[in-house]
Amino acid sequence: MKEAIFRIIDKLDLRMISLTAWLISGTGVFLPNKYIELMGLMSIKVKYQWVISSVFLVLSAYYIIVILHFVYYKIKIIYLEKINRKVILNKLRTLSTDEQRILLQFYNKNEKIFGLEARLDIQNATVNVLSSKRIISRGSQIGNLYHGFSYFLQPMVQVELNKMLTNGEIKVYEQKFEWKVESD
């Protein structure tokens, strides 16, 4: 019997039950007495009004907290993206020439944009520096020292590099490149 009760509880969707209880209690609180009398529920409303109101208040407070929590995290994500964008721009504008050369391996000459993936030498110290700065990250643990390992640009770094390319801060030619370092 005990196991059957636990299985029933596991199958219940508590969010749906609480939403249903909130809607029913809200109806009991705000529905005019005329309609409650028509349904023949006046004796239940009078007898259990404090329970109905308490359930409605508690669940309303719960849903307000859930909504505020959702809004807080959305605002936090937007705020952190702004901060991260500034940090990434500072990192990209203060790169050494060797680090810039490594990032140019992500440049796609056919499409004239920075791509997502490149094969880099794991023994190169500059690759490890860029990885520690969280500009690139290793995409695969499988590779070899001859062909290199797969590395990926961080998505926000890729976006900023392509913006810098579009704005003319980075110019790539056949044999050379220009990386203008201008601080805001």
N, C-alpha and C. Protein backbone atom coordinates (compact mmCIF):
# COMPACT_ATOMS: atom_id res chain seq x y z
N MET A 1 0.83 -1.20 0.00
CA MET A 1 0.00 0.00 0.00
C MET A 1 0.87 1.26 0.00
N LYS A 2 1.93 1.19 0.79
CA LYS A 2 2.83 2.33 0.90
C LYS A 2 3.50 2.62 -0.44
N GLU A 3 3.93 1.56 -1.15
CA GLU A 3 4.57 1.73 -2.45
C GLU A 3 3.59 2.30 -3.47
N ALA A 4 2.35 1.89 -3.42
CA ALA A 4 1.34 2.39 -4.35
C ALA A 4 1.14 3.90 -4.16
N ILE A 5 1.13 4.34 -2.92
CA ILE A 5 0.97 5.77 -2.64
C ILE A 5 2.17 6.55 -3.17
N PHE A 6 3.38 6.02 -2.96
CA PHE A 6 4.57 6.69 -3.47
C PHE A 6 4.58 6.75 -5.00
N ARG A 7 4.11 5.70 -5.66
CA ARG A 7 4.04 5.71 -7.12
C ARG A 7 3.04 6.74 -7.62
N ILE A 8 1.92 6.86 -6.94
CA ILE A 8 0.93 7.87 -7.32
C ILE A 8 1.50 9.27 -7.16
N ILE A 9 2.20 9.51 -6.06
CA ILE A 9 2.80 10.82 -5.81
C ILE A 9 3.86 11.11 -6.87
N ASP A 10 4.65 10.09 -7.26
CA ASP A 10 5.65 10.30 -8.31
C ASP A 10 5.02 10.66 -9.64
N LYS A 11 3.85 10.13 -9.92
CA LYS A 11 3.18 10.40 -11.20
C LYS A 11 2.49 11.76 -11.24
N LEU A 12 2.22 12.34 -10.08
CA LEU A 12 1.52 13.62 -10.03
C LEU A 12 2.42 14.75 -10.49
N ASP A 13 1.84 15.65 -11.20
CA ASP A 13 2.55 16.86 -11.62
C ASP A 13 2.16 17.96 -10.63
N LEU A 14 3.06 18.23 -9.69
CA LEU A 14 2.74 19.17 -8.62
C LEU A 14 2.54 20.60 -9.13
N ARG A 15 3.22 20.96 -10.20
CA ARG A 15 3.00 22.31 -10.74
C ARG A 15 1.59 22.46 -11.29
N MET A 16 1.12 21.42 -11.95
CA MET A 16 -0.24 21.47 -12.51
C MET A 16 -1.28 21.46 -11.39
N ILE A 17 -1.03 20.68 -10.36
CA ILE A 17 -1.96 20.63 -9.23
C ILE A 17 -2.01 21.97 -8.51
N SER A 18 -0.84 22.59 -8.31
CA SER A 18 -0.83 23.88 -7.62
C SER A 18 -1.48 24.96 -8.48
N LEU A 19 -1.29 24.91 -9.78
CA LEU A 19 -1.95 25.88 -10.66
C LEU A 19 -3.46 25.69 -10.62
N THR A 20 -3.90 24.44 -10.63
CA THR A 20 -5.34 24.16 -10.55
C THR A 20 -5.91 24.65 -9.23
N ALA A 21 -5.20 24.37 -8.13
CA ALA A 21 -5.66 24.83 -6.81
C ALA A 21 -5.72 26.35 -6.76
N TRP A 22 -4.76 27.01 -7.38
CA TRP A 22 -4.74 28.47 -7.39
C TRP A 22 -5.94 29.02 -8.18
N LEU A 23 -6.21 28.43 -9.34
CA LEU A 23 -7.34 28.89 -10.15
C LEU A 23 -8.68 28.65 -9.44
N ILE A 24 -8.83 27.48 -8.83
CA ILE A 24 -10.08 27.17 -8.13
C ILE A 24 -10.26 28.08 -6.92
N SER A 25 -9.18 28.28 -6.15
CA SER A 25 -9.30 29.15 -4.98
C SER A 25 -9.52 30.60 -5.40
N GLY A 26 -8.90 31.03 -6.50
CA GLY A 26 -9.14 32.38 -7.00
C GLY A 26 -10.58 32.56 -7.44
N THR A 27 -11.12 31.52 -8.05
CA THR A 27 -12.53 31.57 -8.44
C THR A 27 -13.41 31.66 -7.20
N GLY A 28 -13.06 30.88 -6.17
CA GLY A 28 -13.84 30.91 -4.92
C GLY A 28 -13.76 32.25 -4.22
N VAL A 29 -12.65 32.92 -4.34
CA VAL A 29 -12.48 34.21 -3.66
C VAL A 29 -13.17 35.33 -4.45
N PHE A 30 -13.01 35.37 -5.76
CA PHE A 30 -13.45 36.51 -6.55
C PHE A 30 -14.79 36.33 -7.26
N LEU A 31 -15.31 35.13 -7.35
CA LEU A 31 -16.58 34.91 -8.03
C LEU A 31 -17.71 35.49 -7.18
N PRO A 32 -18.60 36.28 -7.78
CA PRO A 32 -19.70 36.87 -7.01
C PRO A 32 -20.59 35.79 -6.38
N ASN A 33 -21.15 36.16 -5.22
CA ASN A 33 -21.99 35.20 -4.47
C ASN A 33 -23.19 34.73 -5.28
N LYS A 34 -23.71 35.56 -6.17
CA LYS A 34 -24.85 35.19 -6.99
C LYS A 34 -24.56 33.92 -7.80
N TYR A 35 -23.37 33.83 -8.39
CA TYR A 35 -23.01 32.66 -9.19
C TYR A 35 -22.72 31.44 -8.30
N ILE A 36 -22.16 31.68 -7.14
CA ILE A 36 -21.88 30.57 -6.22
C ILE A 36 -23.19 29.96 -5.72
N GLU A 37 -24.20 30.82 -5.47
CA GLU A 37 -25.51 30.30 -5.06
C GLU A 37 -26.14 29.49 -6.19
N LEU A 38 -25.98 29.93 -7.44
CA LEU A 38 -26.52 29.19 -8.58
C LEU A 38 -25.90 27.78 -8.69
N MET A 39 -24.64 27.66 -8.33
CA MET A 39 -23.98 26.36 -8.40
C MET A 39 -24.23 25.53 -7.15
N GLY A 40 -24.84 26.12 -6.14
CA GLY A 40 -25.13 25.40 -4.90
C GLY A 40 -23.92 25.19 -4.02
N LEU A 41 -22.95 26.09 -4.12
CA LEU A 41 -21.70 25.95 -3.36
C LEU A 41 -21.56 26.98 -2.25
N MET A 42 -22.65 27.68 -1.91
CA MET A 42 -22.57 28.75 -0.91
C MET A 42 -22.19 28.19 0.46
N SER A 43 -22.75 27.04 0.84
CA SER A 43 -22.43 26.48 2.16
C SER A 43 -20.95 26.11 2.25
N ILE A 44 -20.37 25.62 1.16
CA ILE A 44 -18.93 25.28 1.16
C ILE A 44 -18.10 26.55 1.24
N LYS A 45 -18.52 27.59 0.51
CA LYS A 45 -17.75 28.84 0.54
C LYS A 45 -17.78 29.46 1.93
N VAL A 46 -18.94 29.47 2.56
CA VAL A 46 -19.05 30.07 3.90
C VAL A 46 -18.23 29.27 4.90
N LYS A 47 -18.33 27.95 4.83
CA LYS A 47 -17.67 27.08 5.80
C LYS A 47 -16.14 27.10 5.65
N TYR A 48 -15.65 27.14 4.40
CA TYR A 48 -14.21 27.02 4.15
C TYR A 48 -13.58 28.27 3.53
N GLN A 49 -14.18 29.43 3.75
CA GLN A 49 -13.66 30.65 3.15
C GLN A 49 -12.22 30.92 3.58
N TRP A 50 -11.89 30.69 4.83
CA TRP A 50 -10.53 30.97 5.28
C TRP A 50 -9.52 30.03 4.63
N VAL A 51 -9.90 28.79 4.37
CA VAL A 51 -9.00 27.85 3.71
C VAL A 51 -8.81 28.26 2.25
N ILE A 52 -9.90 28.60 1.60
CA ILE A 52 -9.84 29.00 0.18
C ILE A 52 -8.98 30.25 0.04
N SER A 53 -9.18 31.22 0.90
CA SER A 53 -8.41 32.46 0.84
C SER A 53 -6.94 32.20 1.16
N SER A 54 -6.67 31.36 2.13
CA SER A 54 -5.27 31.05 2.49
C SER A 54 -4.55 30.35 1.35
N VAL A 55 -5.20 29.39 0.73
CA VAL A 55 -4.59 28.69 -0.41
C VAL A 55 -4.31 29.68 -1.53
N PHE A 56 -5.26 30.56 -1.80
CA PHE A 56 -5.08 31.54 -2.86
C PHE A 56 -3.91 32.47 -2.55
N LEU A 57 -3.80 32.96 -1.32
CA LEU A 57 -2.72 33.87 -0.96
C LEU A 57 -1.35 33.20 -1.02
N VAL A 58 -1.27 31.99 -0.49
CA VAL A 58 0.02 31.29 -0.48
C VAL A 58 0.47 30.98 -1.92
N LEU A 59 -0.44 30.47 -2.72
CA LEU A 59 -0.06 30.16 -4.09
C LEU A 59 0.20 31.41 -4.92
N SER A 60 -0.51 32.49 -4.64
CA SER A 60 -0.24 33.76 -5.33
C SER A 60 1.16 34.25 -4.99
N ALA A 61 1.53 34.17 -3.71
CA ALA A 61 2.87 34.57 -3.30
C ALA A 61 3.92 33.69 -3.99
N TYR A 62 3.65 32.40 -4.08
CA TYR A 62 4.58 31.48 -4.75
C TYR A 62 4.75 31.87 -6.22
N TYR A 63 3.66 32.13 -6.92
CA TYR A 63 3.76 32.47 -8.34
C TYR A 63 4.40 33.83 -8.56
N ILE A 64 4.20 34.76 -7.65
CA ILE A 64 4.87 36.05 -7.75
C ILE A 64 6.38 35.87 -7.59
N ILE A 65 6.78 35.03 -6.65
CA ILE A 65 8.21 34.75 -6.46
C ILE A 65 8.80 34.08 -7.69
N VAL A 66 8.07 33.14 -8.29
CA VAL A 66 8.55 32.46 -9.49
C VAL A 66 8.74 33.47 -10.63
N ILE A 67 7.78 34.36 -10.80
CA ILE A 67 7.87 35.35 -11.88
C ILE A 67 9.02 36.32 -11.62
N LEU A 68 9.18 36.78 -10.38
CA LEU A 68 10.28 37.69 -10.06
C LEU A 68 11.63 37.00 -10.25
N HIS A 69 11.71 35.74 -9.89
CA HIS A 69 12.94 34.97 -10.07
C HIS A 69 13.29 34.88 -11.56
N PHE A 70 12.31 34.61 -12.40
CA PHE A 70 12.51 34.54 -13.84
C PHE A 70 12.99 35.88 -14.39
N VAL A 71 12.33 36.96 -13.99
CA VAL A 71 12.70 38.30 -14.47
C VAL A 71 14.12 38.66 -13.99
N TYR A 72 14.43 38.33 -12.74
CA TYR A 72 15.76 38.62 -12.18
C TYR A 72 16.85 37.94 -13.01
N TYR A 73 16.67 36.68 -13.34
CA TYR A 73 17.70 35.97 -14.10
C TYR A 73 17.79 36.46 -15.54
N LYS A 74 16.69 36.87 -16.13
CA LYS A 74 16.75 37.43 -17.48
C LYS A 74 17.54 38.75 -17.47
N ILE A 75 17.28 39.60 -16.48
CA ILE A 75 18.01 40.86 -16.36
C ILE A 75 19.48 40.60 -16.07
N LYS A 76 19.75 39.62 -15.23
CA LYS A 76 21.13 39.27 -14.89
C LYS A 76 21.89 38.79 -16.12
N ILE A 77 21.25 37.98 -16.96
CA ILE A 77 21.90 37.48 -18.17
C ILE A 77 22.23 38.64 -19.11
N ILE A 78 21.29 39.57 -19.29
CA ILE A 78 21.53 40.72 -20.16
C ILE A 78 22.66 41.58 -19.61
N TYR A 79 22.68 41.79 -18.31
CA TYR A 79 23.73 42.59 -17.68
C TYR A 79 25.10 41.92 -17.83
N LEU A 80 25.15 40.61 -17.60
CA LEU A 80 26.42 39.90 -17.71
C LEU A 80 26.92 39.86 -19.16
N GLU A 81 26.01 39.81 -20.13
CA GLU A 81 26.44 39.85 -21.53
C GLU A 81 27.09 41.18 -21.85
N LYS A 82 26.55 42.27 -21.32
CA LYS A 82 27.17 43.59 -21.55
C LYS A 82 28.56 43.64 -20.94
N ILE A 83 28.69 43.15 -19.72
CA ILE A 83 30.00 43.15 -19.05
C ILE A 83 30.97 42.26 -19.81
N ASN A 84 30.52 41.06 -20.20
CA ASN A 84 31.39 40.14 -20.92
C ASN A 84 31.82 40.72 -22.26
N ARG A 85 30.93 41.42 -22.94
CA ARG A 85 31.27 42.02 -24.23
C ARG A 85 32.40 43.03 -24.05
N LYS A 86 32.35 43.85 -23.00
CA LYS A 86 33.41 44.82 -22.75
C LYS A 86 34.72 44.12 -22.43
N VAL A 87 34.65 43.07 -21.62
CA VAL A 87 35.85 42.32 -21.24
C VAL A 87 36.47 41.67 -22.48
N ILE A 88 35.63 41.08 -23.31
CA ILE A 88 36.14 40.42 -24.52
C ILE A 88 36.77 41.43 -25.47
N LEU A 89 36.12 42.58 -25.63
CA LEU A 89 36.71 43.61 -26.50
C LEU A 89 38.07 44.06 -25.98
N ASN A 90 38.19 44.24 -24.66
CA ASN A 90 39.48 44.61 -24.09
C ASN A 90 40.52 43.53 -24.33
N LYS A 91 40.12 42.26 -24.16
CA LYS A 91 41.05 41.16 -24.41
C LYS A 91 41.49 41.13 -25.86
N LEU A 92 40.53 41.30 -26.78
CA LEU A 92 40.86 41.24 -28.20
C LEU A 92 41.73 42.41 -28.65
N ARG A 93 41.58 43.54 -28.01
CA ARG A 93 42.36 44.72 -28.40
C ARG A 93 43.74 44.74 -27.76
N THR A 94 43.97 43.88 -26.77
CA THR A 94 45.27 43.85 -26.11
C THR A 94 46.03 42.56 -26.40
N LEU A 95 45.70 41.89 -27.47
CA LEU A 95 46.39 40.65 -27.82
C LEU A 95 47.77 40.95 -28.40
N SER A 96 48.68 40.04 -28.15
CA SER A 96 50.00 40.17 -28.75
C SER A 96 49.92 39.78 -30.22
N THR A 97 50.98 40.06 -30.96
CA THR A 97 51.00 39.73 -32.39
C THR A 97 50.91 38.22 -32.60
N ASP A 98 51.55 37.45 -31.76
CA ASP A 98 51.48 35.99 -31.89
C ASP A 98 50.06 35.48 -31.64
N GLU A 99 49.38 36.05 -30.66
CA GLU A 99 48.00 35.65 -30.38
C GLU A 99 47.09 36.03 -31.55
N GLN A 100 47.34 37.19 -32.15
CA GLN A 100 46.55 37.61 -33.30
C GLN A 100 46.76 36.66 -34.48
N ARG A 101 48.01 36.22 -34.68
CA ARG A 101 48.29 35.26 -35.77
C ARG A 101 47.54 33.94 -35.55
N ILE A 102 47.49 33.49 -34.31
CA ILE A 102 46.77 32.25 -34.02
C ILE A 102 45.29 32.43 -34.32
N LEU A 103 44.72 33.56 -33.93
CA LEU A 103 43.30 33.80 -34.19
C LEU A 103 43.00 33.92 -35.68
N LEU A 104 43.97 34.35 -36.46
CA LEU A 104 43.76 34.45 -37.90
C LEU A 104 43.65 33.07 -38.56
N GLN A 105 44.03 32.01 -37.85
CA GLN A 105 43.83 30.67 -38.39
C GLN A 105 42.35 30.30 -38.42
N PHE A 106 41.54 31.04 -37.68
CA PHE A 106 40.09 30.84 -37.71
C PHE A 106 39.43 31.60 -38.87
N TYR A 107 40.20 32.47 -39.54
CA TYR A 107 39.66 33.30 -40.62
C TYR A 107 39.42 32.45 -41.86
N ASN A 108 38.22 32.56 -42.42
CA ASN A 108 37.85 31.85 -43.63
C ASN A 108 38.04 32.81 -44.80
N LYS A 109 39.04 32.54 -45.64
CA LYS A 109 39.38 33.46 -46.74
C LYS A 109 38.29 33.50 -47.81
N ASN A 110 37.59 32.39 -48.00
CA ASN A 110 36.54 32.35 -49.02
C ASN A 110 35.35 33.21 -48.64
N GLU A 111 34.91 33.08 -47.39
CA GLU A 111 33.73 33.82 -46.92
C GLU A 111 34.08 35.16 -46.30
N LYS A 112 35.36 35.38 -46.04
CA LYS A 112 35.87 36.61 -45.44
C LYS A 112 35.23 36.91 -44.08
N ILE A 113 35.11 35.87 -43.27
CA ILE A 113 34.64 35.99 -41.89
C ILE A 113 35.45 35.06 -41.02
N PHE A 114 35.36 35.27 -39.72
CA PHE A 114 35.98 34.36 -38.78
C PHE A 114 35.05 33.17 -38.57
N GLY A 115 35.59 31.99 -38.80
CA GLY A 115 34.81 30.77 -38.61
C GLY A 115 34.86 30.31 -37.16
N LEU A 116 34.30 29.17 -36.94
CA LEU A 116 34.19 28.66 -35.58
C LEU A 116 35.34 27.74 -35.20
N GLU A 117 35.88 26.98 -36.15
CA GLU A 117 36.83 25.93 -35.81
C GLU A 117 38.14 26.10 -36.57
N ALA A 118 39.22 25.67 -35.91
CA ALA A 118 40.53 25.60 -36.55
C ALA A 118 41.32 24.48 -35.88
N ARG A 119 42.27 23.94 -36.60
CA ARG A 119 43.16 22.92 -36.04
C ARG A 119 44.43 23.63 -35.62
N LEU A 120 44.75 23.52 -34.33
CA LEU A 120 45.91 24.22 -33.78
C LEU A 120 46.85 23.23 -33.11
N ASP A 121 48.11 23.63 -33.05
CA ASP A 121 49.13 22.81 -32.41
C ASP A 121 49.02 22.95 -30.90
N ILE A 122 48.84 21.83 -30.23
CA ILE A 122 48.66 21.85 -28.78
C ILE A 122 49.95 22.23 -28.05
N GLN A 123 51.10 22.05 -28.72
CA GLN A 123 52.38 22.36 -28.08
C GLN A 123 52.75 23.84 -28.17
N ASN A 124 51.98 24.60 -28.92
CA ASN A 124 52.24 26.02 -29.07
C ASN A 124 51.79 26.73 -27.79
N ALA A 125 52.69 27.46 -27.18
CA ALA A 125 52.38 28.15 -25.93
C ALA A 125 51.31 29.22 -26.13
N THR A 126 51.30 29.84 -27.28
CA THR A 126 50.32 30.89 -27.55
C THR A 126 48.91 30.33 -27.58
N VAL A 127 48.76 29.13 -28.11
CA VAL A 127 47.46 28.46 -28.10
C VAL A 127 46.99 28.26 -26.67
N ASN A 128 47.89 27.84 -25.82
CA ASN A 128 47.54 27.63 -24.42
C ASN A 128 47.21 28.94 -23.71
N VAL A 129 47.89 30.02 -24.09
CA VAL A 129 47.58 31.33 -23.51
C VAL A 129 46.18 31.78 -23.91
N LEU A 130 45.84 31.62 -25.21
CA LEU A 130 44.50 31.99 -25.67
C LEU A 130 43.44 31.12 -25.01
N SER A 131 43.77 29.88 -24.78
CA SER A 131 42.83 28.99 -24.10
C SER A 131 42.64 29.40 -22.64
N SER A 132 43.71 29.81 -21.99
CA SER A 132 43.59 30.25 -20.59
C SER A 132 42.86 31.58 -20.48
N LYS A 133 42.92 32.40 -21.53
CA LYS A 133 42.18 33.66 -21.55
C LYS A 133 40.71 33.44 -21.92
N ARG A 134 40.35 32.20 -22.22
CA ARG A 134 38.99 31.79 -22.59
C ARG A 134 38.53 32.46 -23.89
N ILE A 135 39.46 32.64 -24.78
CA ILE A 135 39.13 33.14 -26.11
C ILE A 135 38.84 31.96 -27.03
N ILE A 136 39.61 30.91 -26.85
CA ILE A 136 39.37 29.67 -27.60
C ILE A 136 39.25 28.53 -26.60
N SER A 137 38.68 27.43 -27.05
CA SER A 137 38.62 26.24 -26.21
C SER A 137 38.79 25.02 -27.09
N ARG A 138 39.32 23.98 -26.50
CA ARG A 138 39.57 22.77 -27.27
C ARG A 138 38.25 22.08 -27.54
N GLY A 139 38.05 21.71 -28.78
CA GLY A 139 36.80 21.08 -29.17
C GLY A 139 36.83 19.58 -29.05
N SER A 140 38.02 19.00 -29.04
CA SER A 140 38.11 17.56 -29.02
C SER A 140 39.36 17.15 -28.28
N GLN A 141 39.29 16.04 -27.59
CA GLN A 141 40.45 15.50 -26.92
C GLN A 141 41.21 14.57 -27.85
N ILE A 142 40.63 14.30 -29.01
CA ILE A 142 41.24 13.39 -29.98
C ILE A 142 41.92 14.21 -31.06
N GLY A 143 43.14 13.94 -31.28
CA GLY A 143 43.91 14.63 -32.30
C GLY A 143 45.31 14.06 -32.30
N ASN A 144 46.20 14.65 -33.06
CA ASN A 144 47.59 14.22 -33.01
C ASN A 144 48.49 15.43 -33.15
N LEU A 145 49.77 15.21 -32.88
CA LEU A 145 50.69 16.33 -32.88
C LEU A 145 51.02 16.79 -34.30
N TYR A 146 50.80 15.94 -35.28
CA TYR A 146 51.10 16.31 -36.67
C TYR A 146 50.00 17.21 -37.25
N HIS A 147 48.74 16.78 -37.12
CA HIS A 147 47.63 17.55 -37.69
C HIS A 147 47.06 18.57 -36.70
N GLY A 148 47.32 18.42 -35.45
CA GLY A 148 46.82 19.34 -34.44
C GLY A 148 45.51 18.89 -33.83
N PHE A 149 45.01 19.69 -32.94
CA PHE A 149 43.76 19.41 -32.26
C PHE A 149 42.72 20.44 -32.68
N SER A 150 41.49 20.08 -32.60
CA SER A 150 40.40 20.97 -32.98
C SER A 150 40.15 21.97 -31.85
N TYR A 151 40.16 23.25 -32.20
CA TYR A 151 39.86 24.32 -31.25
C TYR A 151 38.71 25.14 -31.80
N PHE A 152 37.94 25.73 -30.89
CA PHE A 152 36.80 26.55 -31.27
C PHE A 152 36.93 27.93 -30.67
N LEU A 153 36.47 28.92 -31.41
CA LEU A 153 36.34 30.27 -30.85
C LEU A 153 35.12 30.29 -29.94
N GLN A 154 35.22 31.01 -28.86
CA GLN A 154 34.04 31.20 -28.03
C GLN A 154 33.01 31.99 -28.85
N PRO A 155 31.73 31.68 -28.74
CA PRO A 155 30.72 32.32 -29.60
C PRO A 155 30.74 33.84 -29.55
N MET A 156 30.88 34.41 -28.36
CA MET A 156 30.88 35.87 -28.26
C MET A 156 32.15 36.46 -28.86
N VAL A 157 33.26 35.72 -28.77
CA VAL A 157 34.51 36.17 -29.38
C VAL A 157 34.37 36.17 -30.90
N GLN A 158 33.75 35.14 -31.44
CA GLN A 158 33.54 35.07 -32.88
C GLN A 158 32.71 36.25 -33.37
N VAL A 159 31.66 36.58 -32.64
CA VAL A 159 30.81 37.71 -33.01
C VAL A 159 31.62 39.00 -32.98
N GLU A 160 32.39 39.21 -31.93
CA GLU A 160 33.17 40.45 -31.81
C GLU A 160 34.27 40.53 -32.86
N LEU A 161 34.92 39.40 -33.18
CA LEU A 161 35.94 39.42 -34.23
C LEU A 161 35.33 39.78 -35.58
N ASN A 162 34.17 39.23 -35.87
CA ASN A 162 33.51 39.56 -37.14
C ASN A 162 33.05 41.01 -37.18
N LYS A 163 32.64 41.56 -36.02
CA LYS A 163 32.30 42.99 -35.97
C LYS A 163 33.55 43.85 -36.22
N MET A 164 34.66 43.44 -35.59
CA MET A 164 35.91 44.18 -35.79
C MET A 164 36.34 44.10 -37.26
N LEU A 165 36.11 42.96 -37.88
CA LEU A 165 36.43 42.79 -39.30
C LEU A 165 35.56 43.70 -40.16
N THR A 166 34.27 43.75 -39.85
CA THR A 166 33.33 44.60 -40.59
C THR A 166 33.65 46.08 -40.39
N ASN A 167 34.02 46.46 -39.18
CA ASN A 167 34.32 47.86 -38.88
C ASN A 167 35.70 48.30 -39.38
N GLY A 168 36.48 47.39 -39.91
CA GLY A 168 37.80 47.75 -40.43
C GLY A 168 38.89 47.75 -39.39
N GLU A 169 38.63 47.27 -38.21
CA GLU A 169 39.67 47.19 -37.18
C GLU A 169 40.65 46.06 -37.46
N ILE A 170 40.17 45.06 -38.19
CA ILE A 170 41.02 43.95 -38.62
C ILE A 170 40.95 43.91 -40.15
N LYS A 171 42.12 43.93 -40.77
CA LYS A 171 42.19 43.82 -42.22
C LYS A 171 43.12 42.66 -42.55
N VAL A 172 42.63 41.76 -43.38
CA VAL A 172 43.41 40.58 -43.75
C VAL A 172 43.73 40.66 -45.23
N TYR A 173 45.03 40.57 -45.54
CA TYR A 173 45.49 40.56 -46.91
C TYR A 173 46.04 39.17 -47.22
N GLU A 174 46.61 39.00 -48.42
CA GLU A 174 47.12 37.68 -48.82
C GLU A 174 48.25 37.21 -47.90
N GLN A 175 49.23 38.04 -47.67
CA GLN A 175 50.41 37.63 -46.91
C GLN A 175 50.53 38.29 -45.55
N LYS A 176 49.68 39.26 -45.25
CA LYS A 176 49.81 39.97 -43.98
C LYS A 176 48.44 40.38 -43.46
N PHE A 177 48.42 40.96 -42.29
CA PHE A 177 47.18 41.43 -41.69
C PHE A 177 47.46 42.69 -40.89
N GLU A 178 46.42 43.47 -40.67
CA GLU A 178 46.50 44.65 -39.81
C GLU A 178 45.47 44.51 -38.71
N TRP A 179 45.88 44.75 -37.50
CA TRP A 179 45.00 44.63 -36.34
C TRP A 179 45.12 45.96 -35.61
N LYS A 180 44.17 46.84 -35.83
CA LYS A 180 44.21 48.15 -35.20
C LYS A 180 43.83 48.00 -33.73
N VAL A 181 44.65 48.59 -32.89
CA VAL A 181 44.38 48.54 -31.45
C VAL A 181 43.94 49.93 -31.01
N GLU A 182 42.62 50.07 -30.93
CA GLU A 182 42.03 51.35 -30.47
C GLU A 182 41.21 51.04 -29.24
N SER A 183 41.44 51.75 -28.18
CA SER A 183 40.65 51.52 -26.97
C SER A 183 39.52 52.52 -26.90
N ASP A 184 38.38 52.08 -26.34
CA ASP A 184 37.21 52.96 -26.21
C ASP A 184 37.40 53.95 -25.09
